[in-house]
Amino acid sequence: MEIVLSLSEEISLHSDGEAKKAFFEEFKKWLLKPGKPSFGLKAFLDIRLENYFPEILPLASSFENLALLLDKMFEVRKEAFITEEAKTELAFSALLAGNAFLKNKQGDEKAKIKENVLAFLNRITNEIHLIKKVPEILTVYGELDFETIPADAVLRRYAVRLDGLSTLCLLVFSTPEHLIPNPLYAKEFFERSSELNLLEEAPKPYLTGKMLLDLGMTPGKEMGQVIQESFELQLNGEIKNANEALEFAKNKLAISI
């Protein structure tokens, strides 16, 4: 409660420029300090701060759902071995998770999620990792159906977008159970991501520029296109190692010659 009241005071006392850093520190205290973040959410709503921060939305039409997610996020985070940056990314992803459930009338949900989340983050912080990662985490989170685990090719592409799936997995684990049709979804999502070695980092292309130079290819746009085409096949599971990537490149060059 004290943190949210302090946030309210910052709004009334500071100009936009002065408030930015103060807002960020107060939100971090609310979301990262020991205790139940839902208490802060209740105070936030009691003093109508959602009017000042309209991007903090109910989760699946309910602030009770958001409260459940925030508290579960706190418990999940305690058990996870993640960096301080990742903890902050998870906390703000949880706070803004209601945006992932938006249904835009034009069907442009991805753009709307990013627009709202960026609007909030740009008002409270200059932290590049948050501005880069949180909108993308929530966009991917909004693509999940919570019933069927995405195909391996989709998981690999998610990992590329997020530079690893660990934070997304923790957000899925934090989601209230009644919002997930498949009760094993979080566990299976995590296990498959782990089996594919996607938790801590994104897949890297097996095919490199040096390999193509060694084959006699001239640097330029075509080299990048060959690497990208090989990488797409790698993400699809059709190229499984560097040797297969090299054979693909050799065949590609033979055809072009």
Protein backbone atom coordinates (compact mmCIF):
# COMPACT_ATOMS: atom_id res chain seq x y z
CA MET A 1 0.00 0.00 0.00
CA GLU A 2 2.77 2.46 0.93
CA ILE A 3 4.50 1.91 -2.40
CA VAL A 4 1.37 2.63 -4.41
CA LEU A 5 0.61 5.74 -2.33
CA SER A 6 4.17 6.85 -2.96
CA LEU A 7 3.55 6.32 -6.66
CA SER A 8 0.47 8.50 -6.41
CA GLU A 9 2.54 11.23 -4.71
CA GLU A 10 5.16 11.05 -7.48
CA ILE A 11 2.43 11.67 -10.05
CA SER A 12 1.22 14.78 -8.25
CA LEU A 13 4.63 16.21 -7.29
CA HIS A 14 6.83 15.74 -10.35
CA SER A 15 6.86 16.86 -13.94
CA ASP A 16 6.95 14.20 -16.62
CA GLY A 17 10.74 14.34 -16.92
CA GLU A 18 11.34 14.14 -13.18
CA ALA A 19 8.70 11.50 -12.66
CA LYS A 20 10.05 8.95 -15.11
CA LYS A 21 12.81 7.59 -12.90
CA ALA A 22 10.66 7.92 -9.76
CA PHE A 23 7.79 5.98 -11.38
CA PHE A 24 10.13 3.19 -12.43
CA GLU A 25 11.63 2.81 -8.97
CA GLU A 26 8.19 2.72 -7.34
CA PHE A 27 6.90 0.11 -9.79
CA LYS A 28 9.99 -2.01 -9.17
CA LYS A 29 9.44 -1.83 -5.41
CA TRP A 30 5.84 -2.89 -5.89
CA LEU A 31 6.64 -5.79 -8.20
CA LEU A 32 9.98 -7.03 -6.88
CA LYS A 33 9.92 -6.58 -3.11
CA PRO A 34 9.02 -9.60 -0.92
CA GLY A 35 5.30 -10.04 -0.39
CA LYS A 36 2.15 -10.30 -2.46
CA PRO A 37 2.09 -7.92 -5.44
CA SER A 38 -1.70 -8.26 -5.45
CA PHE A 39 -1.86 -5.98 -2.38
CA GLY A 40 -0.20 -3.27 -4.44
CA LEU A 41 -2.64 -3.87 -7.28
CA LYS A 42 -5.60 -3.49 -4.93
CA ALA A 43 -4.25 -0.19 -3.65
CA PHE A 44 -3.49 0.87 -7.22
CA LEU A 45 -7.14 0.31 -8.14
CA ASP A 46 -8.53 1.78 -4.91
CA ILE A 47 -6.95 5.15 -5.64
CA ARG A 48 -7.86 4.93 -9.33
CA LEU A 49 -4.33 4.98 -10.70
CA GLU A 50 -5.52 2.91 -13.66
CA ASN A 51 -6.84 6.21 -15.00
CA TYR A 52 -3.26 7.47 -15.15
CA PHE A 53 -1.82 4.16 -16.37
CA PRO A 54 -4.58 2.80 -18.66
CA GLU A 55 -2.18 0.26 -20.17
CA ILE A 56 -2.42 -1.82 -16.97
CA LEU A 57 -5.44 -3.88 -17.99
CA PRO A 58 -7.50 -6.64 -16.40
CA LEU A 59 -6.41 -10.15 -17.35
CA ALA A 60 -9.14 -11.90 -19.33
CA SER A 61 -11.57 -9.14 -18.25
CA SER A 62 -10.75 -9.46 -14.55
CA PHE A 63 -8.35 -7.66 -12.23
CA GLU A 64 -8.76 -10.63 -9.88
CA ASN A 65 -7.10 -12.75 -12.55
CA LEU A 66 -4.29 -10.23 -12.79
CA ALA A 67 -3.86 -10.31 -9.01
CA LEU A 68 -3.59 -14.10 -9.12
CA LEU A 69 -1.01 -13.93 -11.88
CA LEU A 70 1.10 -11.34 -10.02
CA ASP A 71 1.15 -13.38 -6.82
CA LYS A 72 1.93 -16.60 -8.65
CA MET A 73 4.66 -14.80 -10.60
CA PHE A 74 6.26 -13.82 -7.31
CA GLU A 75 6.26 -17.45 -6.11
CA VAL A 76 7.54 -18.78 -9.44
CA ARG A 77 10.30 -16.18 -9.55
CA LYS A 78 11.57 -17.18 -6.10
CA GLU A 79 12.26 -20.71 -7.37
CA ALA A 80 13.87 -19.67 -10.66
CA PHE A 81 17.58 -19.15 -11.27
CA ILE A 82 17.39 -16.08 -13.48
CA THR A 83 19.25 -12.78 -13.75
CA GLU A 84 18.05 -9.55 -12.16
CA GLU A 85 17.24 -8.24 -15.64
CA ALA A 86 15.11 -11.31 -16.35
CA LYS A 87 13.30 -10.89 -13.00
CA THR A 88 12.41 -7.32 -13.94
CA GLU A 89 11.29 -8.38 -17.44
CA LEU A 90 9.08 -11.08 -15.92
CA ALA A 91 7.60 -8.67 -13.37
CA PHE A 92 6.63 -6.03 -15.92
CA SER A 93 5.39 -8.69 -18.35
CA ALA A 94 3.11 -9.97 -15.59
CA LEU A 95 1.87 -6.47 -14.72
CA LEU A 96 1.00 -5.79 -18.38
CA ALA A 97 -0.22 -9.30 -19.22
CA GLY A 98 -3.80 -8.10 -19.73
CA ASN A 99 -2.66 -6.59 -23.02
CA ALA A 100 -1.93 -10.08 -24.36
CA PHE A 101 -5.63 -10.92 -24.07
CA LEU A 102 -6.77 -7.93 -26.10
CA LYS A 103 -8.92 -8.67 -29.13
CA ASN A 104 -8.66 -5.85 -31.61
CA LYS A 105 -11.73 -5.45 -33.83
CA GLN A 106 -9.47 -5.23 -36.85
CA GLY A 107 -7.73 -8.43 -35.81
CA ASP A 108 -4.41 -6.62 -35.37
CA GLU A 109 -3.74 -7.93 -31.87
CA LYS A 110 0.06 -7.97 -32.16
CA ALA A 111 0.30 -4.31 -33.08
CA LYS A 112 -2.12 -3.34 -30.30
CA ILE A 113 -0.20 -5.31 -27.67
CA LYS A 114 3.10 -3.69 -28.60
CA GLU A 115 1.54 -0.25 -28.88
CA ASN A 116 0.04 -0.38 -25.38
CA VAL A 117 3.04 -1.96 -23.70
CA LEU A 118 5.50 0.43 -25.30
CA ALA A 119 3.31 3.40 -24.38
CA PHE A 120 3.52 2.38 -20.72
CA LEU A 121 7.22 1.52 -20.69
CA ASN A 122 8.27 4.65 -22.54
CA ARG A 123 6.55 6.73 -19.86
CA ILE A 124 8.36 5.13 -16.92
CA THR A 125 11.77 3.92 -18.06
CA ASN A 126 14.70 4.20 -20.44
CA GLU A 127 15.81 0.62 -19.72
CA ILE A 128 16.55 -0.77 -23.18
CA HIS A 129 16.19 -4.43 -22.21
CA LEU A 130 12.65 -3.82 -20.91
CA ILE A 131 11.57 -1.75 -23.90
CA LYS A 132 12.96 -4.41 -26.25
CA LYS A 133 11.92 -7.60 -24.47
CA VAL A 134 8.62 -7.02 -22.63
CA PRO A 135 6.49 -6.09 -25.70
CA GLU A 136 7.85 -9.12 -27.56
CA ILE A 137 7.30 -11.46 -24.59
CA LEU A 138 3.67 -10.36 -24.34
CA THR A 139 3.12 -10.58 -28.09
CA VAL A 140 4.29 -14.21 -28.06
CA TYR A 141 2.31 -14.87 -24.86
CA GLY A 142 -0.78 -13.60 -26.67
CA GLU A 143 -0.19 -16.07 -29.51
CA LEU A 144 -0.37 -19.11 -27.20
CA ASP A 145 -3.66 -21.03 -27.06
CA PHE A 146 -2.80 -22.77 -23.75
CA GLU A 147 -4.10 -26.05 -25.17
CA THR A 148 -1.58 -27.41 -27.67
CA ILE A 149 2.18 -26.96 -27.38
CA PRO A 150 3.45 -25.09 -30.46
CA ALA A 151 5.37 -27.09 -33.06
CA ASP A 152 9.14 -27.26 -32.66
CA ALA A 153 9.66 -24.89 -35.58
CA VAL A 154 7.40 -22.33 -33.90
CA LEU A 155 9.18 -22.70 -30.54
CA ARG A 156 12.53 -22.15 -32.22
CA ARG A 157 11.25 -18.98 -33.86
CA TYR A 158 9.82 -17.79 -30.53
CA ALA A 159 13.26 -18.33 -29.01
CA VAL A 160 14.85 -16.23 -31.75
CA ARG A 161 12.37 -13.42 -31.08
CA LEU A 162 12.89 -13.55 -27.30
CA ASP A 163 16.55 -14.61 -27.12
CA GLY A 164 15.48 -17.71 -25.19
CA LEU A 165 12.21 -18.92 -23.70
CA SER A 166 12.92 -19.00 -19.96
CA THR A 167 11.03 -15.79 -19.10
CA LEU A 168 8.09 -16.78 -21.29
CA CYS A 169 7.96 -20.18 -19.58
CA LEU A 170 7.87 -18.50 -16.16
CA LEU A 171 5.04 -16.24 -17.32
CA VAL A 172 3.10 -19.28 -18.53
CA PHE A 173 3.70 -21.01 -15.17
CA SER A 174 2.34 -17.85 -13.50
CA THR A 175 -0.90 -17.83 -15.47
CA PRO A 176 -3.96 -18.67 -13.34
CA GLU A 177 -4.88 -22.30 -13.85
CA HIS A 178 -8.51 -21.61 -14.72
CA LEU A 179 -7.34 -19.64 -17.79
CA ILE A 180 -5.40 -22.63 -19.16
CA PRO A 181 -7.60 -25.32 -20.77
CA ASN A 182 -4.78 -27.88 -20.72
CA PRO A 183 -3.71 -28.41 -17.08
CA LEU A 184 -0.34 -29.81 -18.22
CA TYR A 185 0.35 -26.99 -20.65
CA ALA A 186 2.91 -25.04 -18.58
CA LYS A 187 4.86 -28.18 -17.68
CA GLU A 188 4.85 -29.51 -21.25
CA PHE A 189 5.74 -26.10 -22.71
CA PHE A 190 8.74 -25.86 -20.38
CA GLU A 191 9.86 -29.45 -20.96
CA ARG A 192 9.75 -29.19 -24.75
CA SER A 193 11.57 -25.86 -24.68
CA SER A 194 14.23 -27.46 -22.48
CA GLU A 195 14.56 -30.53 -24.72
CA LEU A 196 15.19 -28.24 -27.68
CA ASN A 197 17.78 -26.23 -25.68
CA LEU A 198 15.75 -23.06 -26.13
CA LEU A 199 15.46 -21.83 -22.54
CA GLU A 200 18.59 -19.73 -22.14
CA GLU A 201 19.39 -18.64 -25.69
CA ALA A 202 18.15 -18.51 -29.24
CA PRO A 203 19.31 -20.91 -31.94
CA LYS A 204 22.32 -19.61 -33.87
CA PRO A 205 22.79 -20.30 -37.61
CA TYR A 206 24.99 -23.29 -38.30
CA LEU A 207 26.01 -21.75 -41.59
CA THR A 208 28.40 -18.81 -41.26
CA GLY A 209 29.90 -16.26 -43.55
CA LYS A 210 33.35 -17.79 -43.05
CA MET A 211 32.08 -21.16 -44.24
CA LEU A 212 30.75 -19.53 -47.40
CA LEU A 213 33.98 -17.60 -47.95
CA ASP A 214 35.89 -20.86 -47.68
CA LEU A 215 33.66 -22.21 -50.44
CA GLY A 216 34.70 -19.30 -52.62
CA MET A 217 31.57 -17.19 -52.29
CA THR A 218 31.95 -13.44 -52.66
CA PRO A 219 30.73 -11.28 -49.73
CA GLY A 220 27.48 -9.51 -50.45
CA LYS A 221 23.71 -9.66 -50.35
CA GLU A 222 23.56 -13.17 -51.80
CA MET A 223 25.70 -14.50 -48.95
CA GLY A 224 23.22 -13.17 -46.39
CA GLN A 225 20.33 -14.70 -48.33
CA VAL A 226 21.99 -18.14 -48.36
CA ILE A 227 22.67 -17.95 -44.61
CA GLN A 228 19.06 -16.92 -43.93
CA GLU A 229 17.64 -19.66 -46.15
CA SER A 230 19.79 -22.21 -44.38
CA PHE A 231 18.73 -20.84 -41.00
CA GLU A 232 15.03 -21.11 -41.91
CA LEU A 233 15.56 -24.78 -42.76
CA GLN A 234 17.46 -25.18 -39.49
CA LEU A 235 14.55 -23.68 -37.52
CA ASN A 236 12.21 -26.07 -39.34
CA GLY A 237 14.38 -28.99 -38.22
CA GLU A 238 15.43 -29.85 -41.78
CA ILE A 239 19.08 -28.92 -41.16
CA LYS A 240 20.34 -30.44 -37.93
CA ASN A 241 24.05 -29.57 -37.76
CA ALA A 242 26.87 -27.60 -39.36
CA ASN A 243 27.75 -30.39 -41.78
CA GLU A 244 24.22 -30.46 -43.17
CA ALA A 245 24.29 -26.66 -43.43
CA LEU A 246 27.56 -26.87 -45.36
CA GLU A 247 26.11 -29.45 -47.74
CA PHE A 248 23.12 -27.21 -48.31
CA ALA A 249 25.46 -24.33 -49.16
CA LYS A 250 27.51 -26.47 -51.54
CA ASN A 251 24.37 -27.57 -53.37
CA LYS A 252 23.12 -24.01 -53.47
CA LEU A 253 26.36 -22.74 -54.97
CA ALA A 254 26.46 -25.56 -57.50
CA ILE A 255 22.97 -24.65 -58.69
CA SER A 256 23.83 -20.95 -58.97
CA ILE A 257 26.93 -21.74 -61.00
